[in-house]
Amino acid sequence: MTVCVYALDQRRIKVTGAGYEPMGKFLDGDTFVEPRSDEHLALALRVGMLCNNAKVERTDGSETLLGGSRARNYAGRPRWPS
């Protein structure tokens, strides 16, 4: 699963690219958004990184996704802060 859109404040930031390749752009409409200079997008990216322990293992030209979200309880349901 990959992120296609971030819904931030009053904006929808589209994420371009495909699969797990670290290539792509962040677009607000047709305008490029630099994540390091956009406070809300930078925070959303940081939260996503900290709440995920997935790794992509590349072997013999194939990719395998290992792990997943840290925000799960023992029943496998999402756990939301109270």
C-alpha atoms as a PDB file:
ATOM      1  CA  MET A   1       0.000   0.000   0.000  1.00  0.00           C
ATOM      2  CA  THR A   2       1.323   3.431  -0.884  1.00  0.00           C
ATOM      3  CA  VAL A   3       0.060   6.941  -0.179  1.00  0.00           C
ATOM      4  CA  CYS A   4      -1.635   8.711  -3.112  1.00  0.00           C
ATOM      5  CA  VAL A   5      -3.000  11.830  -1.384  1.00  0.00           C
ATOM      6  CA  TYR A   6      -2.404  13.646   1.897  1.00  0.00           C
ATOM      7  CA  ALA A   7      -5.439  15.542   3.217  1.00  0.00           C
ATOM      8  CA  LEU A   8      -3.903  18.456   5.125  1.00  0.00           C
ATOM      9  CA  ASP A   9      -5.666  21.475   6.624  1.00  0.00           C
ATOM     10  CA  GLN A  10      -7.688  22.801   3.648  1.00  0.00           C
ATOM     11  CA  ARG A  11      -5.497  21.150   0.980  1.00  0.00           C
ATOM     12  CA  ARG A  12      -5.119  17.822  -0.759  1.00  0.00           C
ATOM     13  CA  ILE A  13      -1.494  17.077  -1.623  1.00  0.00           C
ATOM     14  CA  LYS A  14      -1.186  14.518  -4.427  1.00  0.00           C
ATOM     15  CA  VAL A  15       1.775  12.126  -4.335  1.00  0.00           C
ATOM     16  CA  THR A  16       3.108  11.077  -7.739  1.00  0.00           C
ATOM     17  CA  GLY A  17       5.267   8.054  -8.504  1.00  0.00           C
ATOM     18  CA  ALA A  18       4.592   4.338  -8.487  1.00  0.00           C
ATOM     19  CA  GLY A  19       5.235   1.476  -6.092  1.00  0.00           C
ATOM     20  CA  TYR A  20       8.011   1.667  -3.544  1.00  0.00           C
ATOM     21  CA  GLU A  21      10.551   3.519  -5.683  1.00  0.00           C
ATOM     22  CA  PRO A  22      11.693   6.678  -3.871  1.00  0.00           C
ATOM     23  CA  MET A  23      10.747   8.837  -6.864  1.00  0.00           C
ATOM     24  CA  GLY A  24       7.868  11.248  -7.254  1.00  0.00           C
ATOM     25  CA  LYS A  25       6.581  14.680  -6.367  1.00  0.00           C
ATOM     26  CA  PHE A  26       4.115  16.324  -4.013  1.00  0.00           C
ATOM     27  CA  LEU A  27       1.569  18.487  -5.829  1.00  0.00           C
ATOM     28  CA  ASP A  28      -1.024  20.948  -4.543  1.00  0.00           C
ATOM     29  CA  GLY A  29      -3.141  21.111  -7.695  1.00  0.00           C
ATOM     30  CA  ASP A  30      -0.482  21.689 -10.359  1.00  0.00           C
ATOM     31  CA  THR A  31       1.953  23.395  -7.955  1.00  0.00           C
ATOM     32  CA  PHE A  32       5.028  21.508  -6.703  1.00  0.00           C
ATOM     33  CA  VAL A  33       5.256  21.388  -2.892  1.00  0.00           C
ATOM     34  CA  GLU A  34       8.676  21.141  -1.231  1.00  0.00           C
ATOM     35  CA  PRO A  35       8.105  18.924   1.838  1.00  0.00           C
ATOM     36  CA  ARG A  36      10.938  20.477   3.851  1.00  0.00           C
ATOM     37  CA  SER A  37       9.438  23.949   3.574  1.00  0.00           C
ATOM     38  CA  ASP A  38       5.782  22.942   4.123  1.00  0.00           C
ATOM     39  CA  GLU A  39       5.218  22.541   7.868  1.00  0.00           C
ATOM     40  CA  HIS A  40       2.029  20.440   7.642  1.00  0.00           C
ATOM     41  CA  LEU A  41       3.325  18.090   4.941  1.00  0.00           C
ATOM     42  CA  ALA A  42       6.651  17.633   6.757  1.00  0.00           C
ATOM     43  CA  LEU A  43       4.787  16.724   9.960  1.00  0.00           C
ATOM     44  CA  ALA A  44       2.506  14.249   8.133  1.00  0.00           C
ATOM     45  CA  LEU A  45       5.524  12.578   6.515  1.00  0.00           C
ATOM     46  CA  ARG A  46       7.310  12.330   9.854  1.00  0.00           C
ATOM     47  CA  VAL A  47       4.257  10.812  11.567  1.00  0.00           C
ATOM     48  CA  GLY A  48       3.930   8.269   8.746  1.00  0.00           C
ATOM     49  CA  MET A  49       7.579   7.317   9.056  1.00  0.00           C
ATOM     50  CA  LEU A  50       7.447   6.941  12.848  1.00  0.00           C
ATOM     51  CA  CYS A  51       4.230   4.864  12.766  1.00  0.00           C
ATOM     52  CA  ASN A  52       5.527   2.356  10.255  1.00  0.00           C
ATOM     53  CA  ASN A  53       8.080  -0.391  10.645  1.00  0.00           C
ATOM     54  CA  ALA A  54       7.715  -1.843   7.149  1.00  0.00           C
ATOM     55  CA  LYS A  55      10.827  -2.603   5.122  1.00  0.00           C
ATOM     56  CA  VAL A  56      11.245  -3.477   1.465  1.00  0.00           C
ATOM     57  CA  GLU A  57      13.602  -6.399   0.906  1.00  0.00           C
ATOM     58  CA  ARG A  58      15.092  -6.555  -2.594  1.00  0.00           C
ATOM     59  CA  THR A  59      16.500  -9.892  -3.756  1.00  0.00           C
ATOM     60  CA  ASP A  60      17.043 -11.366  -7.203  1.00  0.00           C
ATOM     61  CA  GLY A  61      15.143  -8.553  -8.923  1.00  0.00           C
ATOM     62  CA  SER A  62      12.010  -8.929  -6.797  1.00  0.00           C
ATOM     63  CA  GLU A  63      10.698  -6.941  -3.846  1.00  0.00           C
ATOM     64  CA  THR A  64       9.061  -8.218  -0.665  1.00  0.00           C
ATOM     65  CA  LEU A  65       7.335  -5.980   1.889  1.00  0.00           C
ATOM     66  CA  LEU A  66       8.156  -6.947   5.481  1.00  0.00           C
ATOM     67  CA  GLY A  67       6.362  -5.604   8.552  1.00  0.00           C
ATOM     68  CA  GLY A  68       3.625  -3.027   8.694  1.00  0.00           C
ATOM     69  CA  SER A  69       1.991  -0.438  10.897  1.00  0.00           C
ATOM     70  CA  ARG A  70       2.990  -0.051  14.542  1.00  0.00           C
ATOM     71  CA  ALA A  71      -0.442   1.389  15.346  1.00  0.00           C
ATOM     72  CA  ARG A  72      -2.248  -1.942  15.710  1.00  0.00           C
ATOM     73  CA  ASN A  73      -3.562  -3.654  18.785  1.00  0.00           C
ATOM     74  CA  TYR A  74      -3.459  -7.409  19.317  1.00  0.00           C
ATOM     75  CA  ALA A  75      -6.775  -7.960  17.518  1.00  0.00           C
ATOM     76  CA  GLY A  76      -5.327  -6.296  14.405  1.00  0.00           C
ATOM     77  CA  ARG A  77      -7.589  -3.258  14.601  1.00  0.00           C
ATOM     78  CA  PRO A  78      -6.196   0.281  14.303  1.00  0.00           C
ATOM     79  CA  ARG A  79      -5.493   1.878  17.674  1.00  0.00           C
ATOM     80  CA  TRP A  80      -6.316   5.587  17.856  1.00  0.00           C
ATOM     81  CA  PRO A  81      -5.058   7.939  20.568  1.00  0.00           C
ATOM     82  CA  SER A  82      -7.695   8.986  23.094  1.00  0.00           C
END
